[in-house]
Amino acid sequence: MRALVISDKVEPILYSAGINQHVGELDLVISCGDLPHYYVEYVMTLTGRPTYFVHGNHAREVEYHSQRDDHWRAVSEPEGAVNLHARTEREQTLLLAGLEGSIRYNDAPRFQYTNTEMLFTIWGMVPRLLTNRIRYGRYLDVLVAHSPPWGIHDQPDRPHQGFKSFLTFMKWFRPRYLLHGHIHLYRRDVTTQTRYLDTEVINVYPYRILELEPTPMSQQRLEGKRFA
């Protein structure tokens, strides 16, 4: 499936009437967080494709959208898009799940987690991932995250360190892809795609157009033996 994956930065080429000419035919849109709701809604509306998202660590709990007669409406997430955090969803042939936010680095009330807190969130997803395994023969195809895993595309300063619990997730459930943002790119020689076990970890900042495919049958058979 051909996906437009966006994160962290409003791109003028996408926030314009020429978006469809630029990106071509799509099957879905994915947001890895730290984007204004209006931008995600704009991309979703103009492409007309199903849209999934997770919140980033800088997400606002409420944004205000203007309406007629100078009235304002409070919005807590992009309207019409599906929040993937701690959930699993199926979009045509793809099995999706999401984990929002970043490592905890200050006392912000939301969208920051310790590694232990994130691991408990992952534990809460296990029944749905097992259901996927029974129903579809695999746990997951795409994990949508805001932050990277520990030691893969992350940085040494505390706010940009990755989650060790994501390494555990990939060991247990072997998604084909882990898509993340959070790490802004300012040089062309920075690594943005890394293989970890069976998973392609991809930094999508500020956007990528990706061909996402379900987990291969050969890998599914290996998973069945591994967890039998």
Protein backbone atom coordinates (compact mmCIF):
# COMPACT_ATOMS: atom_id res chain seq x y z
CA MET A 1 0.00 0.00 0.00
CA ARG A 2 1.28 3.43 -0.92
CA ALA A 3 1.38 5.67 2.14
CA LEU A 4 2.16 9.33 2.76
CA VAL A 5 3.80 9.47 6.20
CA ILE A 6 4.22 12.90 7.82
CA SER A 7 5.81 14.17 11.04
CA ASP A 8 6.98 17.22 13.01
CA LYS A 9 6.98 19.92 10.32
CA VAL A 10 4.32 21.56 8.17
CA GLU A 11 5.59 21.18 4.62
CA PRO A 12 4.39 23.92 2.22
CA ILE A 13 4.31 21.49 -0.73
CA LEU A 14 1.80 19.34 1.18
CA TYR A 15 -0.12 22.22 2.74
CA SER A 16 -1.16 23.47 -0.69
CA ALA A 17 -3.64 22.82 -3.47
CA GLY A 18 -0.91 20.96 -5.34
CA ILE A 19 -0.56 18.15 -2.82
CA ASN A 20 -2.14 15.45 -4.98
CA GLN A 21 -0.04 16.37 -7.98
CA HIS A 22 3.04 16.12 -5.78
CA VAL A 23 2.32 12.85 -3.96
CA GLY A 24 0.34 10.96 -6.62
CA GLU A 25 -2.08 8.12 -5.87
CA LEU A 26 -2.18 7.04 -2.23
CA ASP A 27 -3.83 4.32 -0.18
CA LEU A 28 -3.49 5.92 3.24
CA VAL A 29 -1.97 8.77 5.27
CA ILE A 30 -0.04 8.29 8.53
CA SER A 31 1.05 11.01 10.97
CA CYS A 32 3.88 10.29 13.42
CA GLY A 33 3.04 13.30 15.56
CA ASP A 34 3.96 16.87 16.53
CA LEU A 35 1.82 18.32 13.76
CA PRO A 36 -1.08 20.78 14.07
CA HIS A 37 -4.49 19.17 13.80
CA TYR A 38 -5.44 21.51 10.97
CA TYR A 39 -2.49 20.27 8.90
CA VAL A 40 -3.36 16.59 9.34
CA GLU A 41 -7.00 17.39 8.53
CA TYR A 42 -5.96 19.33 5.42
CA VAL A 43 -3.81 16.48 4.11
CA MET A 44 -6.55 13.96 4.91
CA THR A 45 -9.26 16.05 3.21
CA LEU A 46 -7.38 16.83 0.02
CA THR A 47 -6.03 13.31 -0.47
CA GLY A 48 -9.33 11.72 0.55
CA ARG A 49 -7.52 8.76 2.08
CA PRO A 50 -7.93 6.99 5.46
CA THR A 51 -5.67 8.71 7.99
CA TYR A 52 -4.04 7.37 11.14
CA PHE A 53 -1.97 9.24 13.72
CA VAL A 54 -0.21 9.27 17.06
CA HIS A 55 0.48 12.33 19.21
CA GLY A 56 4.01 13.67 19.56
CA ASN A 57 5.50 14.97 22.78
CA HIS A 58 4.72 18.57 21.79
CA ALA A 59 1.09 17.86 20.97
CA ARG A 60 -1.40 20.34 22.33
CA GLU A 61 -4.16 18.84 24.44
CA VAL A 62 -6.61 21.24 22.76
CA GLU A 63 -6.49 23.30 19.58
CA TYR A 64 -9.13 25.86 18.65
CA HIS A 65 -10.67 25.91 15.19
CA SER A 66 -12.53 28.98 14.00
CA GLN A 67 -16.14 28.77 12.87
CA ARG A 68 -18.62 31.29 11.54
CA ASP A 69 -19.54 34.38 13.58
CA ASP A 70 -16.15 34.40 15.33
CA HIS A 71 -16.97 31.26 17.32
CA TRP A 72 -14.17 28.87 18.23
CA ARG A 73 -14.43 25.13 18.70
CA ALA A 74 -12.04 23.12 20.90
CA VAL A 75 -10.50 20.10 19.15
CA SER A 76 -8.40 17.49 20.97
CA GLU A 77 -7.25 15.56 17.87
CA PRO A 78 -7.54 15.72 14.08
CA GLU A 79 -11.18 15.17 13.23
CA GLY A 80 -11.81 12.19 10.99
CA ALA A 81 -8.42 10.58 11.64
CA VAL A 82 -7.90 7.46 13.76
CA ASN A 83 -5.78 7.71 16.91
CA LEU A 84 -3.59 4.58 16.94
CA HIS A 85 -2.05 4.98 20.39
CA ALA A 86 -2.17 1.64 22.26
CA ARG A 87 -4.56 0.31 19.61
CA THR A 88 -4.47 -2.00 16.62
CA GLU A 89 -6.31 -1.36 13.37
CA ARG A 90 -6.61 -3.09 10.02
CA GLU A 91 -6.47 -0.97 6.83
CA GLN A 92 -7.06 -3.21 3.83
CA THR A 93 -4.10 -5.62 3.89
CA LEU A 94 -2.09 -3.84 6.61
CA LEU A 95 -2.19 -4.38 10.37
CA LEU A 96 -1.34 -1.13 12.18
CA ALA A 97 -0.65 -0.15 15.78
CA GLY A 98 0.66 2.99 17.46
CA LEU A 99 2.61 4.35 20.42
CA GLU A 100 2.60 8.09 21.06
CA GLY A 101 4.93 10.56 22.74
CA SER A 102 8.55 10.60 23.87
CA ILE A 103 10.71 9.56 26.79
CA ARG A 104 9.90 11.55 29.94
CA TYR A 105 12.24 14.52 30.34
CA ASN A 106 10.19 17.01 32.36
CA ASP A 107 6.91 17.22 34.30
CA ALA A 108 4.58 17.65 31.30
CA PRO A 109 1.22 16.04 32.15
CA ARG A 110 0.79 14.14 28.87
CA PHE A 111 2.61 12.54 25.94
CA GLN A 112 5.78 11.67 27.89
CA TYR A 113 6.54 8.23 29.33
CA THR A 114 9.25 6.42 31.23
CA ASN A 115 10.46 3.20 29.67
CA THR A 116 8.52 1.28 32.32
CA GLU A 117 5.32 3.20 31.59
CA MET A 118 5.69 2.53 27.88
CA LEU A 119 6.32 -1.15 28.54
CA PHE A 120 3.07 -1.33 30.53
CA THR A 121 1.29 0.31 27.59
CA ILE A 122 2.74 -2.37 25.31
CA TRP A 123 1.58 -5.08 27.71
CA GLY A 124 -1.92 -3.67 27.42
CA MET A 125 -1.77 -4.20 23.65
CA VAL A 126 -0.82 -7.88 23.88
CA PRO A 127 -4.39 -9.30 23.76
CA ARG A 128 -5.16 -7.40 20.55
CA LEU A 129 -1.85 -8.41 18.99
CA LEU A 130 -2.50 -12.05 19.87
CA THR A 131 -5.93 -11.73 18.30
CA ASN A 132 -4.24 -10.48 15.12
CA ARG A 133 -1.98 -13.52 15.21
CA ILE A 134 -4.93 -15.89 15.45
CA ARG A 135 -7.08 -14.08 12.91
CA TYR A 136 -4.51 -12.99 10.31
CA GLY A 137 -1.48 -15.18 11.00
CA ARG A 138 0.73 -12.32 12.23
CA TYR A 139 0.85 -9.82 15.05
CA LEU A 140 1.48 -6.61 13.16
CA ASP A 141 2.83 -5.05 9.99
CA VAL A 142 3.39 -1.37 10.91
CA LEU A 143 4.13 0.20 14.29
CA VAL A 144 3.51 3.95 14.12
CA ALA A 145 5.46 5.84 16.79
CA HIS A 146 6.60 9.38 17.45
CA SER A 147 9.94 8.52 19.04
CA PRO A 148 12.60 6.14 17.75
CA PRO A 149 13.83 3.06 19.60
CA TRP A 150 16.81 3.27 21.95
CA GLY A 151 20.06 3.37 20.00
CA ILE A 152 18.40 3.62 16.56
CA HIS A 153 18.20 7.13 15.09
CA ASP A 154 17.93 8.68 18.56
CA GLN A 155 20.22 11.29 20.13
CA PRO A 156 22.13 11.49 23.44
CA ASP A 157 20.22 14.42 24.97
CA ARG A 158 17.39 13.26 27.24
CA PRO A 159 14.43 14.66 25.24
CA HIS A 160 15.56 12.81 22.11
CA GLN A 161 16.55 9.47 23.58
CA GLY A 162 14.59 6.53 22.23
CA PHE A 163 12.59 3.87 24.08
CA LYS A 164 14.30 0.63 25.12
CA SER A 165 10.81 -0.85 25.31
CA PHE A 166 10.51 -0.45 21.52
CA LEU A 167 13.40 -2.90 21.15
CA THR A 168 11.41 -5.33 23.28
CA PHE A 169 8.33 -4.75 21.12
CA MET A 170 10.26 -5.55 17.94
CA LYS A 171 11.73 -8.70 19.51
CA TRP A 172 8.33 -9.95 20.60
CA PHE A 173 6.09 -8.99 17.70
CA ARG A 174 8.41 -8.54 14.69
CA PRO A 175 6.56 -5.80 12.79
CA ARG A 176 7.80 -5.27 9.24
CA TYR A 177 8.10 -1.50 9.81
CA LEU A 178 8.51 0.93 12.68
CA LEU A 179 7.82 4.48 11.48
CA HIS A 180 8.83 7.42 13.66
CA GLY A 181 9.52 11.16 13.65
CA HIS A 182 10.78 13.28 16.58
CA ILE A 183 14.38 13.42 15.30
CA HIS A 184 14.68 16.42 13.00
CA LEU A 185 17.11 16.10 10.11
CA TYR A 186 19.42 18.92 9.08
CA ARG A 187 22.07 16.99 7.13
CA ARG A 188 21.83 14.66 4.17
CA ASP A 189 24.28 12.11 5.57
CA VAL A 190 22.20 11.18 8.64
CA THR A 191 20.95 7.58 8.70
CA THR A 192 17.17 7.44 8.38
CA GLN A 193 16.53 3.74 7.75
CA THR A 194 17.93 0.89 9.84
CA ARG A 195 17.18 -2.83 9.98
CA TYR A 196 16.63 -4.29 13.46
CA LEU A 197 15.83 -8.01 13.50
CA ASP A 198 12.86 -8.28 11.08
CA THR A 199 11.89 -4.59 11.27
CA GLU A 200 12.76 -1.65 9.04
CA VAL A 201 13.01 1.37 11.35
CA ILE A 202 12.37 4.53 9.29
CA ASN A 203 12.60 8.18 10.31
CA VAL A 204 9.93 9.88 8.19
CA TYR A 205 10.73 13.53 9.07
CA PRO A 206 9.24 15.68 7.58
CA TYR A 207 7.48 13.30 5.18
CA ARG A 208 8.07 10.14 3.20
CA ILE A 209 6.09 8.30 0.55
CA LEU A 210 6.46 4.60 1.29
CA GLU A 211 5.29 1.35 -0.23
CA LEU A 212 4.17 -0.61 2.83
CA GLU A 213 3.63 -4.34 2.49
CA PRO A 214 2.33 -6.99 4.91
CA THR A 215 4.78 -9.24 6.73
CA PRO A 216 6.00 -11.97 4.33
CA MET A 217 4.60 -15.47 4.75
CA SER A 218 8.11 -16.85 5.34
CA GLN A 219 8.54 -14.50 8.32
CA GLN A 220 5.07 -15.41 9.61
CA ARG A 221 6.05 -19.10 9.65
CA LEU A 222 9.21 -18.26 11.60
CA GLU A 223 7.14 -16.28 14.09
CA GLY A 224 4.81 -19.21 14.56
CA LYS A 225 7.74 -21.48 15.44
CA ARG A 226 9.34 -18.85 17.67
CA PHE A 227 6.27 -18.32 19.84
CA ALA A 228 4.72 -21.79 19.68
